[in-house]
Amino acid sequence: MGIVVYTTSCYTKTHIRDQQIKVLQFIEVNNIDAEIIDLTMNTSARDIMIENMPKEKTKDGAQILPPQIFSNDEYCGDYEEFFLAMENMTPFSFFKLDPPPGSFEEKLIAKRKNAA
């Protein structure tokens, strides 16, 4: 199945559009195979998305905004978690993917393993 990004083509706030664009641009630039599911066009997908999310993310009527990102049905996170991974220079780890050989992220992971 690979990476799945739940998005919406109908948004009332421009920050949602901008966040989706940033995630999708990263995926495209890095040639990551991903399925993009528009929740506006596929309303039944929302139930599947919520079912696969951690319960703490969906409890107490929490507002769930796109983009929501999964890797093989395993929840990766939302935009805020993607942003933190970018800030920490670990975006491939966020997507639960091996970083490219020789990349900064690969070296960072190796350094952390050696320190442990």
PDB file of N, CA and C in Angstrom:
ATOM      1  N   MET A   1       0.824  -1.180   0.000  1.00  0.00           N
ATOM      2  CA  MET A   1       0.000   0.000   0.000  1.00  0.00           C
ATOM      3  C   MET A   1       0.873   1.251   0.000  1.00  0.00           C
ATOM      4  N   GLY A   2       1.907   1.333   0.819  1.00  0.00           N
ATOM      5  CA  GLY A   2       2.801   2.479   0.817  1.00  0.00           C
ATOM      6  C   GLY A   2       2.244   3.661   1.585  1.00  0.00           C
ATOM      7  N   ILE A   3       2.680   4.840   1.182  1.00  0.00           N
ATOM      8  CA  ILE A   3       2.277   6.078   1.834  1.00  0.00           C
ATOM      9  C   ILE A   3       0.894   6.490   1.348  1.00  0.00           C
ATOM     10  N   VAL A   4       0.046   6.886   2.284  1.00  0.00           N
ATOM     11  CA  VAL A   4      -1.283   7.399   1.964  1.00  0.00           C
ATOM     12  C   VAL A   4      -1.426   8.749   2.654  1.00  0.00           C
ATOM     13  N   VAL A   5      -1.838   9.744   1.873  1.00  0.00           N
ATOM     14  CA  VAL A   5      -2.064  11.077   2.429  1.00  0.00           C
ATOM     15  C   VAL A   5      -3.524  11.431   2.198  1.00  0.00           C
ATOM     16  N   TYR A   6      -4.228  11.680   3.292  1.00  0.00           N
ATOM     17  CA  TYR A   6      -5.621  12.107   3.217  1.00  0.00           C
ATOM     18  C   TYR A   6      -5.632  13.635   3.143  1.00  0.00           C
ATOM     19  N   THR A   7      -6.275  14.139   2.106  1.00  0.00           N
ATOM     20  CA  THR A   7      -6.322  15.579   1.858  1.00  0.00           C
ATOM     21  C   THR A   7      -7.774  16.003   1.646  1.00  0.00           C
ATOM     22  N   THR A   8      -7.951  17.271   1.355  1.00  0.00           N
ATOM     23  CA  THR A   8      -9.256  17.773   0.957  1.00  0.00           C
ATOM     24  C   THR A   8      -9.067  18.808  -0.141  1.00  0.00           C
ATOM     25  N   SER A   9      -9.960  18.804  -1.104  1.00  0.00           N
ATOM     26  CA  SER A   9      -9.917  19.817  -2.159  1.00  0.00           C
ATOM     27  C   SER A   9     -10.883  20.949  -1.845  1.00  0.00           C
ATOM     28  N   CYS A  10     -11.584  20.809  -0.739  1.00  0.00           N
ATOM     29  CA  CYS A  10     -12.540  21.830  -0.309  1.00  0.00           C
ATOM     30  C   CYS A  10     -12.134  22.279   1.090  1.00  0.00           C
ATOM     31  N   TYR A  11     -11.505  23.432   1.162  1.00  0.00           N
ATOM     32  CA  TYR A  11     -11.026  23.912   2.447  1.00  0.00           C
ATOM     33  C   TYR A  11     -11.498  25.339   2.666  1.00  0.00           C
ATOM     34  N   THR A  12     -11.722  25.654   3.910  1.00  0.00           N
ATOM     35  CA  THR A  12     -12.179  27.000   4.257  1.00  0.00           C
ATOM     36  C   THR A  12     -11.036  27.853   4.791  1.00  0.00           C
ATOM     37  N   LYS A  13      -9.931  27.236   5.087  1.00  0.00           N
ATOM     38  CA  LYS A  13      -8.782  27.962   5.624  1.00  0.00           C
ATOM     39  C   LYS A  13      -7.572  27.697   4.732  1.00  0.00           C
ATOM     40  N   THR A  14      -6.899  28.766   4.337  1.00  0.00           N
ATOM     41  CA  THR A  14      -5.779  28.621   3.417  1.00  0.00           C
ATOM     42  C   THR A  14      -4.601  27.877   4.052  1.00  0.00           C
ATOM     43  N   HIS A  15      -4.490  27.899   5.374  1.00  0.00           N
ATOM     44  CA  HIS A  15      -3.369  27.179   5.982  1.00  0.00           C
ATOM     45  C   HIS A  15      -3.477  25.675   5.753  1.00  0.00           C
ATOM     46  N   ILE A  16      -4.683  25.152   5.649  1.00  0.00           N
ATOM     47  CA  ILE A  16      -4.850  23.727   5.359  1.00  0.00           C
ATOM     48  C   ILE A  16      -4.326  23.430   3.956  1.00  0.00           C
ATOM     49  N   ARG A  17      -4.688  24.268   2.992  1.00  0.00           N
ATOM     50  CA  ARG A  17      -4.189  24.095   1.624  1.00  0.00           C
ATOM     51  C   ARG A  17      -2.669  24.160   1.607  1.00  0.00           C
ATOM     52  N   ASP A  18      -2.103  25.153   2.289  1.00  0.00           N
ATOM     53  CA  ASP A  18      -0.659  25.332   2.305  1.00  0.00           C
ATOM     54  C   ASP A  18       0.049  24.135   2.952  1.00  0.00           C
ATOM     55  N   GLN A  19      -0.519  23.605   4.023  1.00  0.00           N
ATOM     56  CA  GLN A  19       0.073  22.447   4.684  1.00  0.00           C
ATOM     57  C   GLN A  19       0.049  21.222   3.776  1.00  0.00           C
ATOM     58  N   GLN A  20      -1.066  21.011   3.106  1.00  0.00           N
ATOM     59  CA  GLN A  20      -1.170  19.889   2.175  1.00  0.00           C
ATOM     60  C   GLN A  20      -0.128  20.020   1.072  1.00  0.00           C
ATOM     61  N   ILE A  21       0.012  21.216   0.533  1.00  0.00           N
ATOM     62  CA  ILE A  21       0.967  21.453  -0.548  1.00  0.00           C
ATOM     63  C   ILE A  21       2.382  21.116  -0.091  1.00  0.00           C
ATOM     64  N   LYS A  22       2.762  21.506   1.106  1.00  0.00           N
ATOM     65  CA  LYS A  22       4.115  21.244   1.606  1.00  0.00           C
ATOM     66  C   LYS A  22       4.386  19.745   1.722  1.00  0.00           C
ATOM     67  N   VAL A  23       3.413  19.006   2.240  1.00  0.00           N
ATOM     68  CA  VAL A  23       3.577  17.557   2.362  1.00  0.00           C
ATOM     69  C   VAL A  23       3.668  16.924   0.976  1.00  0.00           C
ATOM     70  N   LEU A  24       2.767  17.299   0.094  1.00  0.00           N
ATOM     71  CA  LEU A  24       2.745  16.710  -1.246  1.00  0.00           C
ATOM     72  C   LEU A  24       3.973  17.092  -2.065  1.00  0.00           C
ATOM     73  N   GLN A  25       4.486  18.300  -1.874  1.00  0.00           N
ATOM     74  CA  GLN A  25       5.712  18.695  -2.571  1.00  0.00           C
ATOM     75  C   GLN A  25       6.896  17.860  -2.104  1.00  0.00           C
ATOM     76  N   PHE A  26       6.993  17.611  -0.808  1.00  0.00           N
ATOM     77  CA  PHE A  26       8.083  16.776  -0.302  1.00  0.00           C
ATOM     78  C   PHE A  26       8.000  15.384  -0.930  1.00  0.00           C
ATOM     79  N   ILE A  27       6.812  14.833  -0.979  1.00  0.00           N
ATOM     80  CA  ILE A  27       6.616  13.504  -1.559  1.00  0.00           C
ATOM     81  C   ILE A  27       7.023  13.496  -3.026  1.00  0.00           C
ATOM     82  N   GLU A  28       6.602  14.501  -3.757  1.00  0.00           N
ATOM     83  CA  GLU A  28       6.911  14.567  -5.192  1.00  0.00           C
ATOM     84  C   GLU A  28       8.403  14.770  -5.445  1.00  0.00           C
ATOM     85  N   VAL A  29       9.008  15.711  -4.748  1.00  0.00           N
ATOM     86  CA  VAL A  29      10.427  16.014  -4.953  1.00  0.00           C
ATOM     87  C   VAL A  29      11.301  14.799  -4.647  1.00  0.00           C
ATOM     88  N   ASN A  30      10.887  14.004  -3.678  1.00  0.00           N
ATOM     89  CA  ASN A  30      11.676  12.842  -3.271  1.00  0.00           C
ATOM     90  C   ASN A  30      11.224  11.544  -3.933  1.00  0.00           C
ATOM     91  N   ASN A  31      10.363  11.656  -4.930  1.00  0.00           N
ATOM     92  CA  ASN A  31       9.890  10.491  -5.698  1.00  0.00           C
ATOM     93  C   ASN A  31       9.364   9.374  -4.800  1.00  0.00           C
ATOM     94  N   ILE A  32       8.601   9.765  -3.803  1.00  0.00           N
ATOM     95  CA  ILE A  32       7.995   8.791  -2.900  1.00  0.00           C
ATOM     96  C   ILE A  32       6.658   8.366  -3.489  1.00  0.00           C
ATOM     97  N   ASP A  33       6.472   7.070  -3.618  1.00  0.00           N
ATOM     98  CA  ASP A  33       5.212   6.537  -4.136  1.00  0.00           C
ATOM     99  C   ASP A  33       4.142   6.732  -3.073  1.00  0.00           C
ATOM    100  N   ALA A  34       3.099   7.453  -3.437  1.00  0.00           N
ATOM    101  CA  ALA A  34       2.051   7.752  -2.458  1.00  0.00           C
ATOM    102  C   ALA A  34       0.684   7.773  -3.124  1.00  0.00           C
ATOM    103  N   GLU A  35      -0.297   7.394  -2.346  1.00  0.00           N
ATOM    104  CA  GLU A  35      -1.689   7.497  -2.773  1.00  0.00           C
ATOM    105  C   GLU A  35      -2.283   8.714  -2.060  1.00  0.00           C
ATOM    106  N   ILE A  36      -2.872   9.596  -2.841  1.00  0.00           N
ATOM    107  CA  ILE A  36      -3.494  10.791  -2.294  1.00  0.00           C
ATOM    108  C   ILE A  36      -5.005  10.563  -2.326  1.00  0.00           C
ATOM    109  N   ILE A  37      -5.632  10.643  -1.170  1.00  0.00           N
ATOM    110  CA  ILE A  37      -7.072  10.416  -1.076  1.00  0.00           C
ATOM    111  C   ILE A  37      -7.739  11.714  -0.664  1.00  0.00           C
ATOM    112  N   ASP A  38      -8.587  12.211  -1.533  1.00  0.00           N
ATOM    113  CA  ASP A  38      -9.329  13.440  -1.274  1.00  0.00           C
ATOM    114  C   ASP A  38     -10.596  13.075  -0.498  1.00  0.00           C
ATOM    115  N   LEU A  39     -10.650  13.503   0.746  1.00  0.00           N
ATOM    116  CA  LEU A  39     -11.799  13.183   1.597  1.00  0.00           C
ATOM    117  C   LEU A  39     -13.086  13.828   1.100  1.00  0.00           C
ATOM    118  N   THR A  40     -12.964  14.881   0.322  1.00  0.00           N
ATOM    119  CA  THR A  40     -14.147  15.526  -0.241  1.00  0.00           C
ATOM    120  C   THR A  40     -14.789  14.647  -1.309  1.00  0.00           C
ATOM    121  N   MET A  41     -13.956  13.974  -2.077  1.00  0.00           N
ATOM    122  CA  MET A  41     -14.445  13.138  -3.173  1.00  0.00           C
ATOM    123  C   MET A  41     -14.758  11.708  -2.717  1.00  0.00           C
ATOM    124  N   ASN A  42     -14.119  11.260  -1.665  1.00  0.00           N
ATOM    125  CA  ASN A  42     -14.289   9.894  -1.187  1.00  0.00           C
ATOM    126  C   ASN A  42     -14.686   9.956   0.289  1.00  0.00           C
ATOM    127  N   THR A  43     -15.947  10.193   0.530  1.00  0.00           N
ATOM    128  CA  THR A  43     -16.421  10.403   1.900  1.00  0.00           C
ATOM    129  C   THR A  43     -16.289   9.159   2.786  1.00  0.00           C
ATOM    130  N   SER A  44     -16.313   7.980   2.214  1.00  0.00           N
ATOM    131  CA  SER A  44     -16.163   6.774   3.026  1.00  0.00           C
ATOM    132  C   SER A  44     -14.726   6.602   3.519  1.00  0.00           C
ATOM    133  N   ALA A  45     -13.777   7.279   2.894  1.00  0.00           N
ATOM    134  CA  ALA A  45     -12.376   7.168   3.295  1.00  0.00           C
ATOM    135  C   ALA A  45     -12.147   7.764   4.683  1.00  0.00           C
ATOM    136  N   ARG A  46     -12.951   8.732   5.066  1.00  0.00           N
ATOM    137  CA  ARG A  46     -12.789   9.353   6.387  1.00  0.00           C
ATOM    138  C   ARG A  46     -12.934   8.310   7.503  1.00  0.00           C
ATOM    139  N   ASP A  47     -13.908   7.421   7.373  1.00  0.00           N
ATOM    140  CA  ASP A  47     -14.095   6.388   8.392  1.00  0.00           C
ATOM    141  C   ASP A  47     -12.884   5.469   8.471  1.00  0.00           C
ATOM    142  N   ILE A  48     -12.325   5.112   7.326  1.00  0.00           N
ATOM    143  CA  ILE A  48     -11.134   4.255   7.288  1.00  0.00           C
ATOM    144  C   ILE A  48      -9.957   4.985   7.926  1.00  0.00           C
ATOM    145  N   MET A  49      -9.797   6.262   7.595  1.00  0.00           N
ATOM    146  CA  MET A  49      -8.714   7.066   8.146  1.00  0.00           C
ATOM    147  C   MET A  49      -8.814   7.105   9.674  1.00  0.00           C
ATOM    148  N   ILE A  50      -9.991   7.433  10.172  1.00  0.00           N
ATOM    149  CA  ILE A  50     -10.184   7.549  11.621  1.00  0.00           C
ATOM    150  C   ILE A  50      -9.984   6.210  12.317  1.00  0.00           C
ATOM    151  N   GLU A  51     -10.437   5.141  11.700  1.00  0.00           N
ATOM    152  CA  GLU A  51     -10.280   3.801  12.272  1.00  0.00           C
ATOM    153  C   GLU A  51      -8.804   3.448  12.458  1.00  0.00           C
ATOM    154  N   ASN A  52      -7.952   3.926  11.553  1.00  0.00           N
ATOM    155  CA  ASN A  52      -6.525   3.595  11.608  1.00  0.00           C
ATOM    156  C   ASN A  52      -5.697   4.591  12.421  1.00  0.00           C
ATOM    157  N   MET A  53      -6.332   5.627  12.926  1.00  0.00           N
ATOM    158  CA  MET A  53      -5.617   6.618  13.725  1.00  0.00           C
ATOM    159  C   MET A  53      -5.548   6.168  15.179  1.00  0.00           C
ATOM    160  N   PRO A  54      -4.522   6.612  15.906  1.00  0.00           N
ATOM    161  CA  PRO A  54      -4.458   6.301  17.343  1.00  0.00           C
ATOM    162  C   PRO A  54      -5.672   6.896  18.060  1.00  0.00           C
ATOM    163  N   LYS A  55      -6.173   6.185  19.013  1.00  0.00           N
ATOM    164  CA  LYS A  55      -7.389   6.609  19.722  1.00  0.00           C
ATOM    165  C   LYS A  55      -7.235   7.970  20.401  1.00  0.00           C
ATOM    166  N   GLU A  56      -6.028   8.289  20.874  1.00  0.00           N
ATOM    167  CA  GLU A  56      -5.841   9.592  21.526  1.00  0.00           C
ATOM    168  C   GLU A  56      -5.991  10.762  20.552  1.00  0.00           C
ATOM    169  N   LYS A  57      -5.837  10.491  19.266  1.00  0.00           N
ATOM    170  CA  LYS A  57      -6.016  11.543  18.260  1.00  0.00           C
ATOM    171  C   LYS A  57      -7.491  11.770  17.920  1.00  0.00           C
ATOM    172  N   THR A  58      -8.336  10.793  18.212  1.00  0.00           N
ATOM    173  CA  THR A  58      -9.740  10.877  17.810  1.00  0.00           C
ATOM    174  C   THR A  58     -10.698  10.993  18.979  1.00  0.00           C
ATOM    175  N   LYS A  59     -10.200  11.009  20.205  1.00  0.00           N
ATOM    176  CA  LYS A  59     -11.094  11.026  21.364  1.00  0.00           C
ATOM    177  C   LYS A  59     -11.655  12.417  21.629  1.00  0.00           C
ATOM    178  N   ASP A  60     -12.706  12.445  22.377  1.00  0.00           N
ATOM    179  CA  ASP A  60     -13.329  13.676  22.851  1.00  0.00           C
ATOM    180  C   ASP A  60     -13.674  14.657  21.737  1.00  0.00           C
ATOM    181  N   GLY A  61     -14.109  14.145  20.605  1.00  0.00           N
ATOM    182  CA  GLY A  61     -14.535  15.015  19.511  1.00  0.00           C
ATOM    183  C   GLY A  61     -13.423  15.879  18.945  1.00  0.00           C
ATOM    184  N   ALA A  62     -12.187  15.367  19.000  1.00  0.00           N
ATOM    185  CA  ALA A  62     -11.047  16.125  18.485  1.00  0.00           C
ATOM    186  C   ALA A  62     -11.258  16.462  17.010  1.00  0.00           C
ATOM    187  N   GLN A  63     -10.868  17.666  16.646  1.00  0.00           N
ATOM    188  CA  GLN A  63     -10.983  18.087  15.256  1.00  0.00           C
ATOM    189  C   GLN A  63      -9.819  17.482  14.472  1.00  0.00           C
ATOM    190  N   ILE A  64     -10.142  16.727  13.447  1.00  0.00           N
ATOM    191  CA  ILE A  64      -9.137  16.048  12.636  1.00  0.00           C
ATOM    192  C   ILE A  64      -9.091  16.749  11.284  1.00  0.00           C
ATOM    193  N   LEU A  65      -7.994  17.460  11.059  1.00  0.00           N
ATOM    194  CA  LEU A  65      -7.856  18.222   9.829  1.00  0.00           C
ATOM    195  C   LEU A  65      -6.821  17.576   8.914  1.00  0.00           C
ATOM    196  N   PRO A  66      -7.041  17.654   7.603  1.00  0.00           N
ATOM    197  CA  PRO A  66      -6.031  17.162   6.679  1.00  0.00           C
ATOM    198  C   PRO A  66      -4.843  18.127   6.635  1.00  0.00           C
ATOM    199  N   PRO A  67      -3.701  17.659   6.248  1.00  0.00           N
ATOM    200  CA  PRO A  67      -3.413  16.311   5.796  1.00  0.00           C
ATOM    201  C   PRO A  67      -3.157  15.362   6.969  1.00  0.00           C
ATOM    202  N   GLN A  68      -3.540  14.120   6.782  1.00  0.00           N
ATOM    203  CA  GLN A  68      -3.254  13.036   7.715  1.00  0.00           C
ATOM    204  C   GLN A  68      -2.459  12.010   6.915  1.00  0.00           C
ATOM    205  N   ILE A  69      -1.363  11.517   7.488  1.00  0.00           N
ATOM    206  CA  ILE A  69      -0.413  10.703   6.728  1.00  0.00           C
ATOM    207  C   ILE A  69      -0.249   9.329   7.368  1.00  0.00           C
ATOM    208  N   PHE A  70      -0.248   8.314   6.502  1.00  0.00           N
ATOM    209  CA  PHE A  70      -0.106   6.924   6.924  1.00  0.00           C
ATOM    210  C   PHE A  70       0.964   6.233   6.080  1.00  0.00           C
ATOM    211  N   SER A  71       1.549   5.196   6.650  1.00  0.00           N
ATOM    212  CA  SER A  71       2.467   4.329   5.926  1.00  0.00           C
ATOM    213  C   SER A  71       2.015   2.897   6.183  1.00  0.00           C
ATOM    214  N   ASN A  72       1.518   2.251   5.119  1.00  0.00           N
ATOM    215  CA  ASN A  72       1.021   0.873   5.249  1.00  0.00           C
ATOM    216  C   ASN A  72       0.050   0.728   6.414  1.00  0.00           C
ATOM    217  N   ASP A  73      -0.954   1.550   6.454  1.00  0.00           N
ATOM    218  CA  ASP A  73      -1.987   1.570   7.490  1.00  0.00           C
ATOM    219  C   ASP A  73      -1.477   1.985   8.869  1.00  0.00           C
ATOM    220  N   GLU A  74      -0.212   2.306   8.982  1.00  0.00           N
ATOM    221  CA  GLU A  74       0.343   2.774  10.258  1.00  0.00           C
ATOM    222  C   GLU A  74       0.356   4.301  10.234  1.00  0.00           C
ATOM    223  N   TYR A  75      -0.190   4.882  11.271  1.00  0.00           N
ATOM    224  CA  TYR A  75      -0.299   6.333  11.334  1.00  0.00           C
ATOM    225  C   TYR A  75       1.071   6.977  11.497  1.00  0.00           C
ATOM    226  N   CYS A  76       1.388   7.919  10.607  1.00  0.00           N
ATOM    227  CA  CYS A  76       2.636   8.694  10.712  1.00  0.00           C
ATOM    228  C   CYS A  76       2.385   9.976  11.488  1.00  0.00           C
ATOM    229  N   GLY A  77       1.300  10.672  11.133  1.00  0.00           N
ATOM    230  CA  GLY A  77       0.982  11.902  11.826  1.00  0.00           C
ATOM    231  C   GLY A  77       0.260  12.895  10.943  1.00  0.00           C
ATOM    232  N   ASP A  78       0.106  14.083  11.497  1.00  0.00           N
ATOM    233  CA  ASP A  78      -0.543  15.164  10.766  1.00  0.00           C
ATOM    234  C   ASP A  78       0.525  16.163  10.328  1.00  0.00           C
ATOM    235  N   TYR A  79       0.105  17.322   9.883  1.00  0.00           N
ATOM    236  CA  TYR A  79       1.072  18.297   9.397  1.00  0.00           C
ATOM    237  C   TYR A  79       2.047  18.735  10.488  1.00  0.00           C
ATOM    238  N   GLU A  80       1.566  18.950  11.692  1.00  0.00           N
ATOM    239  CA  GLU A  80       2.454  19.407  12.756  1.00  0.00           C
ATOM    240  C   GLU A  80       3.580  18.414  13.012  1.00  0.00           C
ATOM    241  N   GLU A  81       3.251  17.133  12.982  1.00  0.00           N
ATOM    242  CA  GLU A  81       4.279  16.111  13.188  1.00  0.00           C
ATOM    243  C   GLU A  81       5.226  16.038  11.988  1.00  0.00           C
ATOM    244  N   PHE A  82       4.692  16.224  10.791  1.00  0.00           N
ATOM    245  CA  PHE A  82       5.536  16.300   9.591  1.00  0.00           C
ATOM    246  C   PHE A  82       6.492  17.486   9.706  1.00  0.00           C
ATOM    247  N   PHE A  83       5.964  18.634  10.119  1.00  0.00           N
ATOM    248  CA  PHE A  83       6.775  19.841  10.262  1.00  0.00           C
ATOM    249  C   PHE A  83       7.906  19.621  11.261  1.00  0.00           C
ATOM    250  N   LEU A  84       7.604  18.998  12.400  1.00  0.00           N
ATOM    251  CA  LEU A  84       8.637  18.707  13.401  1.00  0.00           C
ATOM    252  C   LEU A  84       9.704  17.777  12.840  1.00  0.00           C
ATOM    253  N   ALA A  85       9.288  16.794  12.065  1.00  0.00           N
ATOM    254  CA  ALA A  85      10.254  15.883  11.443  1.00  0.00           C
ATOM    255  C   ALA A  85      11.158  16.640  10.467  1.00  0.00           C
ATOM    256  N   MET A  86      10.583  17.582   9.738  1.00  0.00           N
ATOM    257  CA  MET A  86      11.389  18.396   8.828  1.00  0.00           C
ATOM    258  C   MET A  86      12.372  19.247   9.631  1.00  0.00           C
ATOM    259  N   GLU A  87      11.910  19.839  10.711  1.00  0.00           N
ATOM    260  CA  GLU A  87      12.779  20.658  11.560  1.00  0.00           C
ATOM    261  C   GLU A  87      13.908  19.825  12.173  1.00  0.00           C
ATOM    262  N   ASN A  88      13.602  18.576  12.515  1.00  0.00           N
ATOM    263  CA  ASN A  88      14.587  17.673  13.110  1.00  0.00           C
ATOM    264  C   ASN A  88      15.424  16.948  12.061  1.00  0.00           C
ATOM    265  N   MET A  89      15.147  17.247  10.787  1.00  0.00           N
ATOM    266  CA  MET A  89      15.852  16.652   9.648  1.00  0.00           C
ATOM    267  C   MET A  89      15.681  15.138   9.594  1.00  0.00           C
ATOM    268  N   THR A  90      14.472  14.672   9.953  1.00  0.00           N
ATOM    269  CA  THR A  90      14.166  13.237   9.909  1.00  0.00           C
ATOM    270  C   THR A  90      12.858  12.964   9.165  1.00  0.00           C
ATOM    271  N   PRO A  91      12.654  13.569   7.994  1.00  0.00           N
ATOM    272  CA  PRO A  91      11.378  13.374   7.308  1.00  0.00           C
ATOM    273  C   PRO A  91      11.145  11.951   6.821  1.00  0.00           C
ATOM    274  N   PHE A  92      12.197  11.258   6.389  1.00  0.00           N
ATOM    275  CA  PHE A  92      11.992   9.895   5.906  1.00  0.00           C
ATOM    276  C   PHE A  92      11.602   8.973   7.056  1.00  0.00           C
ATOM    277  N   SER A  93      12.171   9.209   8.226  1.00  0.00           N
ATOM    278  CA  SER A  93      11.775   8.436   9.404  1.00  0.00           C
ATOM    279  C   SER A  93      10.312   8.697   9.737  1.00  0.00           C
ATOM    280  N   PHE A  94       9.867   9.941   9.574  1.00  0.00           N
ATOM    281  CA  PHE A  94       8.466  10.274   9.803  1.00  0.00           C
ATOM    282  C   PHE A  94       7.568   9.423   8.904  1.00  0.00           C
ATOM    283  N   PHE A  95       7.954   9.284   7.637  1.00  0.00           N
ATOM    284  CA  PHE A  95       7.177   8.487   6.679  1.00  0.00           C
ATOM    285  C   PHE A  95       7.419   6.989   6.848  1.00  0.00           C
ATOM    286  N   LYS A  96       8.257   6.621   7.818  1.00  0.00           N
ATOM    287  CA  LYS A  96       8.609   5.219   8.091  1.00  0.00           C
ATOM    288  C   LYS A  96       9.307   4.590   6.880  1.00  0.00           C
ATOM    289  N   LEU A  97      10.183   5.404   6.268  1.00  0.00           N
ATOM    290  CA  LEU A  97      10.964   4.995   5.108  1.00  0.00           C
ATOM    291  C   LEU A  97      12.449   5.092   5.452  1.00  0.00           C
ATOM    292  N   ASP A  98      13.239   4.287   4.771  1.00  0.00           N
ATOM    293  CA  ASP A  98      14.683   4.405   4.924  1.00  0.00           C
ATOM    294  C   ASP A  98      15.139   5.674   4.231  1.00  0.00           C
ATOM    295  N   PRO A  99      16.000   6.447   4.881  1.00  0.00           N
ATOM    296  CA  PRO A  99      16.499   7.659   4.222  1.00  0.00           C
ATOM    297  C   PRO A  99      17.419   7.291   3.057  1.00  0.00           C
ATOM    298  N   PRO A 100      17.557   8.192   2.110  1.00  0.00           N
ATOM    299  CA  PRO A 100      18.445   7.914   0.976  1.00  0.00           C
ATOM    300  C   PRO A 100      19.883   7.666   1.443  1.00  0.00           C
ATOM    301  N   PRO A 101      20.585   6.758   0.778  1.00  0.00           N
ATOM    302  CA  PRO A 101      21.979   6.492   1.152  1.00  0.00           C
ATOM    303  C   PRO A 101      22.820   7.767   1.071  1.00  0.00           C
ATOM    304  N   GLY A 102      23.622   7.974   2.097  1.00  0.00           N
ATOM    305  CA  GLY A 102      24.502   9.129   2.135  1.00  0.00           C
ATOM    306  C   GLY A 102      23.844  10.421   2.565  1.00  0.00           C
ATOM    307  N   SER A 103      22.549  10.378   2.841  1.00  0.00           N
ATOM    308  CA  SER A 103      21.836  11.593   3.231  1.00  0.00           C
ATOM    309  C   SER A 103      22.186  11.989   4.667  1.00  0.00           C
ATOM    310  N   PHE A 104      21.923  13.225   4.992  1.00  0.00           N
ATOM    311  CA  PHE A 104      22.147  13.707   6.357  1.00  0.00           C
ATOM    312  C   PHE A 104      21.356  12.870   7.347  1.00  0.00           C
ATOM    313  N   GLU A 105      20.114  12.550   6.985  1.00  0.00           N
ATOM    314  CA  GLU A 105      19.264  11.776   7.896  1.00  0.00           C
ATOM    315  C   GLU A 105      19.853  10.391   8.153  1.00  0.00           C
ATOM    316  N   GLU A 106      20.390   9.748   7.126  1.00  0.00           N
ATOM    317  CA  GLU A 106      21.004   8.431   7.306  1.00  0.00           C
ATOM    318  C   GLU A 106      22.195   8.534   8.267  1.00  0.00           C
ATOM    319  N   LYS A 107      22.997   9.582   8.090  1.00  0.00           N
ATOM    320  CA  LYS A 107      24.153   9.775   8.976  1.00  0.00           C
ATOM    321  C   LYS A 107      23.708  10.078  10.402  1.00  0.00           C
ATOM    322  N   LEU A 108      22.652  10.855  10.545  1.00  0.00           N
ATOM    323  CA  LEU A 108      22.110  11.201  11.853  1.00  0.00           C
ATOM    324  C   LEU A 108      21.603   9.942  12.579  1.00  0.00           C
ATOM    325  N   ILE A 109      20.910   9.086  11.866  1.00  0.00           N
ATOM    326  CA  ILE A 109      20.394   7.841  12.454  1.00  0.00           C
ATOM    327  C   ILE A 109      21.550   6.949  12.880  1.00  0.00           C
ATOM    328  N   ALA A 110      22.583   6.826  12.032  1.00  0.00           N
ATOM    329  CA  ALA A 110      23.747   6.005  12.365  1.00  0.00           C
ATOM    330  C   ALA A 110      24.456   6.568  13.597  1.00  0.00           C
ATOM    331  N   LYS A 111      24.560   7.882  13.673  1.00  0.00           N
ATOM    332  CA  LYS A 111      25.222   8.515  14.814  1.00  0.00           C
ATOM    333  C   LYS A 111      24.463   8.221  16.099  1.00  0.00           C
ATOM    334  N   ARG A 112      23.102   8.290  16.037  1.00  0.00           N
ATOM    335  CA  ARG A 112      22.278   8.011  17.212  1.00  0.00           C
ATOM    336  C   ARG A 112      22.403   6.561  17.649  1.00  0.00           C
ATOM    337  N   LYS A 113      22.490   5.647  16.668  1.00  0.00           N
ATOM    338  CA  LYS A 113      22.635   4.220  17.004  1.00  0.00           C
ATOM    339  C   LYS A 113      23.970   3.966  17.672  1.00  0.00           C
ATOM    340  N   ASN A 114      25.012   4.615  17.172  1.00  0.00           N
ATOM    341  CA  ASN A 114      26.350   4.427  17.747  1.00  0.00           C
ATOM    342  C   ASN A 114      26.451   5.011  19.150  1.00  0.00           C
ATOM    343  N   ALA A 115      25.683   6.060  19.418  1.00  0.00           N
ATOM    344  CA  ALA A 115      25.713   6.701  20.727  1.00  0.00           C
ATOM    345  C   ALA A 115      24.958   5.881  21.767  1.00  0.00           C
ATOM    346  N   ALA A 116      24.056   5.025  21.321  1.00  0.00           N
ATOM    347  CA  ALA A 116      23.227   4.251  22.257  1.00  0.00           C
ATOM    348  C   ALA A 116      23.945   3.089  22.856  1.00  0.00           C
TER     349      ALA A 116
END
